[in-house]
Amino acid sequence: MFQRALLVLKKAHLDSVKALAGAIDAKDPYTRGHSDRVRRMCVRIGMKLGLGEKRLESLVFGALLHDIGKIGIRDEVLQKAGAFGRERV
């Protein structure tokens, strides 16, 4: 019973982190889906390095949240034309 409750909590935690990553990606249309692409790439690298399940799980959370600071940045700053060669559409 304890193991089942732990799995439910872990899934809820991951779902919350995925929602935050989605909010981050939604702020900048140029990088939509970026956090998930980073997650997939990090997991592949972690697996090739032979990381255990717990380390891979931590890697997933870190990858999904690596741009968390973007949540507090105004859209005008994130989408500033010319910042990195971007042009507004």
PDB file of N, CA and C in Angstrom:
ATOM      1  N   MET A   1       0.819  -1.188   0.000  1.00  0.00           N
ATOM      2  CA  MET A   1       0.000   0.000   0.000  1.00  0.00           C
ATOM      3  C   MET A   1       0.867   1.257   0.000  1.00  0.00           C
ATOM      4  N   PHE A   2       1.946   1.242   0.796  1.00  0.00           N
ATOM      5  CA  PHE A   2       2.846   2.383   0.851  1.00  0.00           C
ATOM      6  C   PHE A   2       3.489   2.633  -0.510  1.00  0.00           C
ATOM      7  N   GLN A   3       3.916   1.556  -1.189  1.00  0.00           N
ATOM      8  CA  GLN A   3       4.547   1.681  -2.503  1.00  0.00           C
ATOM      9  C   GLN A   3       3.589   2.285  -3.519  1.00  0.00           C
ATOM     10  N   ARG A   4       2.338   1.880  -3.452  1.00  0.00           N
ATOM     11  CA  ARG A   4       1.325   2.423  -4.372  1.00  0.00           C
ATOM     12  C   ARG A   4       1.140   3.917  -4.139  1.00  0.00           C
ATOM     13  N   ALA A   5       1.066   4.327  -2.877  1.00  0.00           N
ATOM     14  CA  ALA A   5       0.909   5.743  -2.551  1.00  0.00           C
ATOM     15  C   ALA A   5       2.121   6.543  -3.030  1.00  0.00           C
ATOM     16  N   LEU A   6       3.304   5.970  -2.882  1.00  0.00           N
ATOM     17  CA  LEU A   6       4.520   6.638  -3.335  1.00  0.00           C
ATOM     18  C   LEU A   6       4.504   6.828  -4.853  1.00  0.00           C
ATOM     19  N   LEU A   7       4.080   5.820  -5.579  1.00  0.00           N
ATOM     20  CA  LEU A   7       3.984   5.929  -7.040  1.00  0.00           C
ATOM     21  C   LEU A   7       2.979   6.992  -7.462  1.00  0.00           C
ATOM     22  N   VAL A   8       1.857   7.068  -6.768  1.00  0.00           N
ATOM     23  CA  VAL A   8       0.843   8.081  -7.078  1.00  0.00           C
ATOM     24  C   VAL A   8       1.417   9.482  -6.844  1.00  0.00           C
ATOM     25  N   LEU A   9       2.132   9.659  -5.733  1.00  0.00           N
ATOM     26  CA  LEU A   9       2.740  10.960  -5.439  1.00  0.00           C
ATOM     27  C   LEU A   9       3.815  11.324  -6.456  1.00  0.00           C
ATOM     28  N   LYS A  10       4.633  10.351  -6.854  1.00  0.00           N
ATOM     29  CA  LYS A  10       5.664  10.609  -7.852  1.00  0.00           C
ATOM     30  C   LYS A  10       5.049  11.034  -9.182  1.00  0.00           C
ATOM     31  N   LYS A  11       3.982  10.364  -9.572  1.00  0.00           N
ATOM     32  CA  LYS A  11       3.311  10.721 -10.830  1.00  0.00           C
ATOM     33  C   LYS A  11       2.710  12.115 -10.747  1.00  0.00           C
ATOM     34  N   ALA A  12       2.107  12.444  -9.619  1.00  0.00           N
ATOM     35  CA  ALA A  12       1.526  13.779  -9.438  1.00  0.00           C
ATOM     36  C   ALA A  12       2.620  14.841  -9.485  1.00  0.00           C
ATOM     37  N   HIS A  13       3.754  14.553  -8.879  1.00  0.00           N
ATOM     38  CA  HIS A  13       4.875  15.491  -8.896  1.00  0.00           C
ATOM     39  C   HIS A  13       5.374  15.696 -10.321  1.00  0.00           C
ATOM     40  N   LEU A  14       5.555  14.610 -11.061  1.00  0.00           N
ATOM     41  CA  LEU A  14       6.004  14.708 -12.447  1.00  0.00           C
ATOM     42  C   LEU A  14       4.985  15.463 -13.293  1.00  0.00           C
ATOM     43  N   ASP A  15       3.709  15.200 -13.096  1.00  0.00           N
ATOM     44  CA  ASP A  15       2.667  15.916 -13.839  1.00  0.00           C
ATOM     45  C   ASP A  15       2.722  17.414 -13.558  1.00  0.00           C
ATOM     46  N   SER A  16       2.992  17.780 -12.306  1.00  0.00           N
ATOM     47  CA  SER A  16       3.109  19.199 -11.942  1.00  0.00           C
ATOM     48  C   SER A  16       4.299  19.841 -12.640  1.00  0.00           C
ATOM     49  N   VAL A  17       5.422  19.137 -12.656  1.00  0.00           N
ATOM     50  CA  VAL A  17       6.622  19.655 -13.315  1.00  0.00           C
ATOM     51  C   VAL A  17       6.388  19.783 -14.819  1.00  0.00           C
ATOM     52  N   LYS A  18       5.709  18.810 -15.409  1.00  0.00           N
ATOM     53  CA  LYS A  18       5.389  18.892 -16.838  1.00  0.00           C
ATOM     54  C   LYS A  18       4.488  20.087 -17.131  1.00  0.00           C
ATOM     55  N   ALA A  19       3.558  20.373 -16.232  1.00  0.00           N
ATOM     56  CA  ALA A  19       2.680  21.541 -16.414  1.00  0.00           C
ATOM     57  C   ALA A  19       3.494  22.830 -16.357  1.00  0.00           C
ATOM     58  N   LEU A  20       4.442  22.910 -15.430  1.00  0.00           N
ATOM     59  CA  LEU A  20       5.313  24.088 -15.362  1.00  0.00           C
ATOM     60  C   LEU A  20       6.147  24.221 -16.624  1.00  0.00           C
ATOM     61  N   ALA A  21       6.689  23.109 -17.109  1.00  0.00           N
ATOM     62  CA  ALA A  21       7.476  23.139 -18.346  1.00  0.00           C
ATOM     63  C   ALA A  21       6.609  23.603 -19.512  1.00  0.00           C
ATOM     64  N   GLY A  22       5.376  23.164 -19.546  1.00  0.00           N
ATOM     65  CA  GLY A  22       4.454  23.613 -20.592  1.00  0.00           C
ATOM     66  C   GLY A  22       4.189  25.102 -20.503  1.00  0.00           C
ATOM     67  N   ALA A  23       4.080  25.621 -19.282  1.00  0.00           N
ATOM     68  CA  ALA A  23       3.871  27.060 -19.093  1.00  0.00           C
ATOM     69  C   ALA A  23       5.093  27.840 -19.563  1.00  0.00           C
ATOM     70  N   ILE A  24       6.273  27.305 -19.294  1.00  0.00           N
ATOM     71  CA  ILE A  24       7.509  27.953 -19.746  1.00  0.00           C
ATOM     72  C   ILE A  24       7.533  27.997 -21.270  1.00  0.00           C
ATOM     73  N   ASP A  25       7.293  26.856 -21.887  1.00  0.00           N
ATOM     74  CA  ASP A  25       7.330  26.779 -23.348  1.00  0.00           C
ATOM     75  C   ASP A  25       6.263  27.657 -23.993  1.00  0.00           C
ATOM     76  N   ALA A  26       5.131  27.819 -23.341  1.00  0.00           N
ATOM     77  CA  ALA A  26       4.043  28.619 -23.907  1.00  0.00           C
ATOM     78  C   ALA A  26       4.390  30.106 -23.931  1.00  0.00           C
ATOM     79  N   LYS A  27       5.305  30.532 -23.081  1.00  0.00           N
ATOM     80  CA  LYS A  27       5.685  31.941 -23.037  1.00  0.00           C
ATOM     81  C   LYS A  27       6.489  32.358 -24.266  1.00  0.00           C
ATOM     82  N   ASP A  28       7.161  31.430 -24.895  1.00  0.00           N
ATOM     83  CA  ASP A  28       8.019  31.766 -26.022  1.00  0.00           C
ATOM     84  C   ASP A  28       7.723  30.832 -27.192  1.00  0.00           C
ATOM     85  N   PRO A  29       6.998  31.315 -28.184  1.00  0.00           N
ATOM     86  CA  PRO A  29       6.604  30.445 -29.300  1.00  0.00           C
ATOM     87  C   PRO A  29       7.789  29.888 -30.087  1.00  0.00           C
ATOM     88  N   TYR A  30       8.932  30.522 -30.002  1.00  0.00           N
ATOM     89  CA  TYR A  30      10.101  30.045 -30.735  1.00  0.00           C
ATOM     90  C   TYR A  30      10.699  28.791 -30.107  1.00  0.00           C
ATOM     91  N   THR A  31      10.411  28.565 -28.846  1.00  0.00           N
ATOM     92  CA  THR A  31      10.997  27.406 -28.166  1.00  0.00           C
ATOM     93  C   THR A  31       9.958  26.401 -27.716  1.00  0.00           C
ATOM     94  N   ARG A  32       8.756  26.464 -28.255  1.00  0.00           N
ATOM     95  CA  ARG A  32       7.694  25.534 -27.855  1.00  0.00           C
ATOM     96  C   ARG A  32       8.167  24.093 -28.005  1.00  0.00           C
ATOM     97  N   GLY A  33       7.998  23.298 -26.963  1.00  0.00           N
ATOM     98  CA  GLY A  33       8.424  21.907 -26.973  1.00  0.00           C
ATOM     99  C   GLY A  33       9.886  21.714 -26.596  1.00  0.00           C
ATOM    100  N   HIS A  34      10.600  22.812 -26.367  1.00  0.00           N
ATOM    101  CA  HIS A  34      12.033  22.745 -26.070  1.00  0.00           C
ATOM    102  C   HIS A  34      12.323  21.924 -24.817  1.00  0.00           C
ATOM    103  N   SER A  35      11.580  22.143 -23.743  1.00  0.00           N
ATOM    104  CA  SER A  35      11.847  21.430 -22.490  1.00  0.00           C
ATOM    105  C   SER A  35      11.698  19.919 -22.665  1.00  0.00           C
ATOM    106  N   ASP A  36      10.715  19.492 -23.433  1.00  0.00           N
ATOM    107  CA  ASP A  36      10.530  18.062 -23.658  1.00  0.00           C
ATOM    108  C   ASP A  36      11.642  17.496 -24.531  1.00  0.00           C
ATOM    109  N   ARG A  37      12.100  18.274 -25.520  1.00  0.00           N
ATOM    110  CA  ARG A  37      13.223  17.807 -26.348  1.00  0.00           C
ATOM    111  C   ARG A  37      14.482  17.670 -25.492  1.00  0.00           C
ATOM    112  N   VAL A  38      14.715  18.628 -24.597  1.00  0.00           N
ATOM    113  CA  VAL A  38      15.869  18.557 -23.700  1.00  0.00           C
ATOM    114  C   VAL A  38      15.738  17.329 -22.798  1.00  0.00           C
ATOM    115  N   ARG A  39      14.533  17.073 -22.295  1.00  0.00           N
ATOM    116  CA  ARG A  39      14.307  15.905 -21.435  1.00  0.00           C
ATOM    117  C   ARG A  39      14.671  14.610 -22.163  1.00  0.00           C
ATOM    118  N   ARG A  40      14.164  14.461 -23.390  1.00  0.00           N
ATOM    119  CA  ARG A  40      14.439  13.230 -24.148  1.00  0.00           C
ATOM    120  C   ARG A  40      15.935  13.053 -24.408  1.00  0.00           C
ATOM    121  N   MET A  41      16.607  14.141 -24.779  1.00  0.00           N
ATOM    122  CA  MET A  41      18.034  14.073 -25.057  1.00  0.00           C
ATOM    123  C   MET A  41      18.819  13.717 -23.786  1.00  0.00           C
ATOM    124  N   CYS A  42      18.462  14.327 -22.677  1.00  0.00           N
ATOM    125  CA  CYS A  42      19.155  14.047 -21.409  1.00  0.00           C
ATOM    126  C   CYS A  42      18.961  12.603 -20.969  1.00  0.00           C
ATOM    127  N   VAL A  43      17.761  12.074 -21.136  1.00  0.00           N
ATOM    128  CA  VAL A  43      17.507  10.683 -20.752  1.00  0.00           C
ATOM    129  C   VAL A  43      18.332   9.741 -21.628  1.00  0.00           C
ATOM    130  N   ARG A  44      18.402  10.020 -22.918  1.00  0.00           N
ATOM    131  CA  ARG A  44      19.211   9.173 -23.808  1.00  0.00           C
ATOM    132  C   ARG A  44      20.678   9.189 -23.382  1.00  0.00           C
ATOM    133  N   ILE A  45      21.188  10.379 -23.091  1.00  0.00           N
ATOM    134  CA  ILE A  45      22.583  10.494 -22.657  1.00  0.00           C
ATOM    135  C   ILE A  45      22.781   9.773 -21.319  1.00  0.00           C
ATOM    136  N   GLY A  46      21.854   9.995 -20.390  1.00  0.00           N
ATOM    137  CA  GLY A  46      21.947   9.343 -19.084  1.00  0.00           C
ATOM    138  C   GLY A  46      21.937   7.832 -19.186  1.00  0.00           C
ATOM    139  N   MET A  47      21.114   7.304 -20.076  1.00  0.00           N
ATOM    140  CA  MET A  47      21.063   5.854 -20.261  1.00  0.00           C
ATOM    141  C   MET A  47      22.375   5.333 -20.842  1.00  0.00           C
ATOM    142  N   LYS A  48      22.943   6.072 -21.804  1.00  0.00           N
ATOM    143  CA  LYS A  48      24.227   5.651 -22.387  1.00  0.00           C
ATOM    144  C   LYS A  48      25.339   5.694 -21.345  1.00  0.00           C
ATOM    145  N   LEU A  49      25.203   6.608 -20.381  1.00  0.00           N
ATOM    146  CA  LEU A  49      26.192   6.690 -19.304  1.00  0.00           C
ATOM    147  C   LEU A  49      25.959   5.644 -18.229  1.00  0.00           C
ATOM    148  N   GLY A  50      24.841   4.926 -18.305  1.00  0.00           N
ATOM    149  CA  GLY A  50      24.544   3.873 -17.346  1.00  0.00           C
ATOM    150  C   GLY A  50      23.987   4.382 -16.022  1.00  0.00           C
ATOM    151  N   LEU A  51      23.351   5.531 -16.033  1.00  0.00           N
ATOM    152  CA  LEU A  51      22.775   6.054 -14.797  1.00  0.00           C
ATOM    153  C   LEU A  51      21.636   5.167 -14.316  1.00  0.00           C
ATOM    154  N   GLY A  52      21.488   5.062 -13.008  1.00  0.00           N
ATOM    155  CA  GLY A  52      20.409   4.276 -12.424  1.00  0.00           C
ATOM    156  C   GLY A  52      19.076   5.002 -12.517  1.00  0.00           C
ATOM    157  N   GLU A  53      18.031   4.290 -12.138  1.00  0.00           N
ATOM    158  CA  GLU A  53      16.667   4.813 -12.249  1.00  0.00           C
ATOM    159  C   GLU A  53      16.470   6.125 -11.482  1.00  0.00           C
ATOM    160  N   LYS A  54      16.991   6.202 -10.271  1.00  0.00           N
ATOM    161  CA  LYS A  54      16.821   7.417  -9.462  1.00  0.00           C
ATOM    162  C   LYS A  54      17.551   8.597 -10.080  1.00  0.00           C
ATOM    163  N   ARG A  55      18.735   8.375 -10.609  1.00  0.00           N
ATOM    164  CA  ARG A  55      19.492   9.457 -11.260  1.00  0.00           C
ATOM    165  C   ARG A  55      18.788   9.908 -12.530  1.00  0.00           C
ATOM    166  N   LEU A  56      18.246   8.954 -13.290  1.00  0.00           N
ATOM    167  CA  LEU A  56      17.513   9.313 -14.501  1.00  0.00           C
ATOM    168  C   LEU A  56      16.270  10.118 -14.156  1.00  0.00           C
ATOM    169  N   GLU A  57      15.608   9.744 -13.077  1.00  0.00           N
ATOM    170  CA  GLU A  57      14.415  10.475 -12.639  1.00  0.00           C
ATOM    171  C   GLU A  57      14.783  11.919 -12.290  1.00  0.00           C
ATOM    172  N   SER A  58      15.882  12.107 -11.587  1.00  0.00           N
ATOM    173  CA  SER A  58      16.339  13.455 -11.255  1.00  0.00           C
ATOM    174  C   SER A  58      16.690  14.233 -12.515  1.00  0.00           C
ATOM    175  N   LEU A  59      17.292  13.553 -13.467  1.00  0.00           N
ATOM    176  CA  LEU A  59      17.655  14.171 -14.737  1.00  0.00           C
ATOM    177  C   LEU A  59      16.416  14.666 -15.476  1.00  0.00           C
ATOM    178  N   VAL A  60      15.355  13.880 -15.442  1.00  0.00           N
ATOM    179  CA  VAL A  60      14.094  14.272 -16.089  1.00  0.00           C
ATOM    180  C   VAL A  60      13.569  15.570 -15.477  1.00  0.00           C
ATOM    181  N   PHE A  61      13.542  15.646 -14.150  1.00  0.00           N
ATOM    182  CA  PHE A  61      13.038  16.846 -13.491  1.00  0.00           C
ATOM    183  C   PHE A  61      13.908  18.052 -13.814  1.00  0.00           C
ATOM    184  N   GLY A  62      15.218  17.872 -13.759  1.00  0.00           N
ATOM    185  CA  GLY A  62      16.126  18.979 -14.072  1.00  0.00           C
ATOM    186  C   GLY A  62      15.977  19.461 -15.500  1.00  0.00           C
ATOM    187  N   ALA A  63      15.853  18.527 -16.421  1.00  0.00           N
ATOM    188  CA  ALA A  63      15.716  18.893 -17.835  1.00  0.00           C
ATOM    189  C   ALA A  63      14.417  19.657 -18.081  1.00  0.00           C
ATOM    190  N   LEU A  64      13.337  19.187 -17.473  1.00  0.00           N
ATOM    191  CA  LEU A  64      12.058  19.856 -17.680  1.00  0.00           C
ATOM    192  C   LEU A  64      12.041  21.260 -17.068  1.00  0.00           C
ATOM    193  N   LEU A  65      12.795  21.458 -16.005  1.00  0.00           N
ATOM    194  CA  LEU A  65      12.765  22.743 -15.291  1.00  0.00           C
ATOM    195  C   LEU A  65      13.961  23.645 -15.586  1.00  0.00           C
ATOM    196  N   HIS A  66      14.794  23.292 -16.557  1.00  0.00           N
ATOM    197  CA  HIS A  66      16.013  24.060 -16.769  1.00  0.00           C
ATOM    198  C   HIS A  66      15.758  25.510 -17.171  1.00  0.00           C
ATOM    199  N   ASP A  67      14.613  25.824 -17.713  1.00  0.00           N
ATOM    200  CA  ASP A  67      14.282  27.203 -18.111  1.00  0.00           C
ATOM    201  C   ASP A  67      13.244  27.835 -17.184  1.00  0.00           C
ATOM    202  N   ILE A  68      13.119  27.354 -15.956  1.00  0.00           N
ATOM    203  CA  ILE A  68      12.073  27.798 -15.040  1.00  0.00           C
ATOM    204  C   ILE A  68      12.101  29.317 -14.829  1.00  0.00           C
ATOM    205  N   GLY A  69      13.266  29.926 -14.918  1.00  0.00           N
ATOM    206  CA  GLY A  69      13.371  31.374 -14.730  1.00  0.00           C
ATOM    207  C   GLY A  69      12.614  32.189 -15.755  1.00  0.00           C
ATOM    208  N   LYS A  70      12.313  31.589 -16.897  1.00  0.00           N
ATOM    209  CA  LYS A  70      11.564  32.311 -17.933  1.00  0.00           C
ATOM    210  C   LYS A  70      10.154  32.679 -17.485  1.00  0.00           C
ATOM    211  N   ILE A  71       9.627  31.971 -16.495  1.00  0.00           N
ATOM    212  CA  ILE A  71       8.267  32.255 -16.043  1.00  0.00           C
ATOM    213  C   ILE A  71       8.171  33.686 -15.535  1.00  0.00           C
ATOM    214  N   GLY A  72       9.217  34.188 -14.891  1.00  0.00           N
ATOM    215  CA  GLY A  72       9.182  35.527 -14.310  1.00  0.00           C
ATOM    216  C   GLY A  72       9.622  36.634 -15.246  1.00  0.00           C
ATOM    217  N   ILE A  73       9.954  36.305 -16.480  1.00  0.00           N
ATOM    218  CA  ILE A  73      10.424  37.309 -17.432  1.00  0.00           C
ATOM    219  C   ILE A  73       9.273  37.721 -18.347  1.00  0.00           C
ATOM    220  N   ARG A  74       9.133  39.020 -18.529  1.00  0.00           N
ATOM    221  CA  ARG A  74       8.056  39.531 -19.381  1.00  0.00           C
ATOM    222  C   ARG A  74       8.178  38.993 -20.807  1.00  0.00           C
ATOM    223  N   ASP A  75       7.036  38.767 -21.438  1.00  0.00           N
ATOM    224  CA  ASP A  75       7.014  38.253 -22.810  1.00  0.00           C
ATOM    225  C   ASP A  75       7.774  39.165 -23.763  1.00  0.00           C
ATOM    226  N   GLU A  76       7.693  40.465 -23.555  1.00  0.00           N
ATOM    227  CA  GLU A  76       8.359  41.425 -24.448  1.00  0.00           C
ATOM    228  C   GLU A  76       9.877  41.214 -24.440  1.00  0.00           C
ATOM    229  N   VAL A  77      10.414  40.828 -23.297  1.00  0.00           N
ATOM    230  CA  VAL A  77      11.851  40.586 -23.198  1.00  0.00           C
ATOM    231  C   VAL A  77      12.203  39.255 -23.856  1.00  0.00           C
ATOM    232  N   LEU A  78      11.430  38.218 -23.579  1.00  0.00           N
ATOM    233  CA  LEU A  78      11.704  36.904 -24.164  1.00  0.00           C
ATOM    234  C   LEU A  78      11.605  36.918 -25.678  1.00  0.00           C
ATOM    235  N   GLN A  79      10.693  37.704 -26.198  1.00  0.00           N
ATOM    236  CA  GLN A  79      10.424  37.686 -27.635  1.00  0.00           C
ATOM    237  C   GLN A  79      10.994  38.909 -28.335  1.00  0.00           C
ATOM    238  N   LYS A  80      11.965  39.553 -27.713  1.00  0.00           N
ATOM    239  CA  LYS A  80      12.558  40.765 -28.269  1.00  0.00           C
ATOM    240  C   LYS A  80      13.175  40.467 -29.629  1.00  0.00           C
ATOM    241  N   ALA A  81      12.764  41.221 -30.632  1.00  0.00           N
ATOM    242  CA  ALA A  81      13.296  41.051 -31.979  1.00  0.00           C
ATOM    243  C   ALA A  81      14.781  41.406 -31.978  1.00  0.00           C
ATOM    244  N   GLY A  82      15.573  40.598 -32.648  1.00  0.00           N
ATOM    245  CA  GLY A  82      16.993  40.867 -32.784  1.00  0.00           C
ATOM    246  C   GLY A  82      17.853  40.314 -31.669  1.00  0.00           C
ATOM    247  N   ALA A  83      17.253  39.776 -30.627  1.00  0.00           N
ATOM    248  CA  ALA A  83      18.044  39.274 -29.505  1.00  0.00           C
ATOM    249  C   ALA A  83      19.000  38.173 -29.956  1.00  0.00           C
ATOM    250  N   PHE A  84      18.537  37.248 -30.732  1.00  0.00           N
ATOM    251  CA  PHE A  84      19.356  36.151 -31.248  1.00  0.00           C
ATOM    252  C   PHE A  84      19.018  35.929 -32.724  1.00  0.00           C
ATOM    253  N   GLY A  85      18.844  37.015 -33.437  1.00  0.00           N
ATOM    254  CA  GLY A  85      18.488  36.896 -34.841  1.00  0.00           C
ATOM    255  C   GLY A  85      17.029  36.577 -35.065  1.00  0.00           C
ATOM    256  N   ARG A  86      16.231  36.633 -34.017  1.00  0.00           N
ATOM    257  CA  ARG A  86      14.809  36.344 -34.162  1.00  0.00           C
ATOM    258  C   ARG A  86      14.108  37.511 -34.834  1.00  0.00           C
ATOM    259  N   GLU A  87      13.128  37.187 -35.594  1.00  0.00           N
ATOM    260  CA  GLU A  87      12.264  38.213 -36.167  1.00  0.00           C
ATOM    261  C   GLU A  87      10.841  37.919 -35.750  1.00  0.00           C
ATOM    262  N   ARG A  88      10.134  38.951 -35.421  1.00  0.00           N
ATOM    263  CA  ARG A  88       8.735  38.746 -35.073  1.00  0.00           C
ATOM    264  C   ARG A  88       7.939  38.406 -36.304  1.00  0.00           C
ATOM    265  N   VAL A  89       7.011  37.518 -36.144  1.00  0.00           N
ATOM    266  CA  VAL A  89       6.188  37.081 -37.281  1.00  0.00           C
ATOM    267  C   VAL A  89       4.866  37.812 -37.230  1.00  0.00           C
TER     268      VAL A  89
END
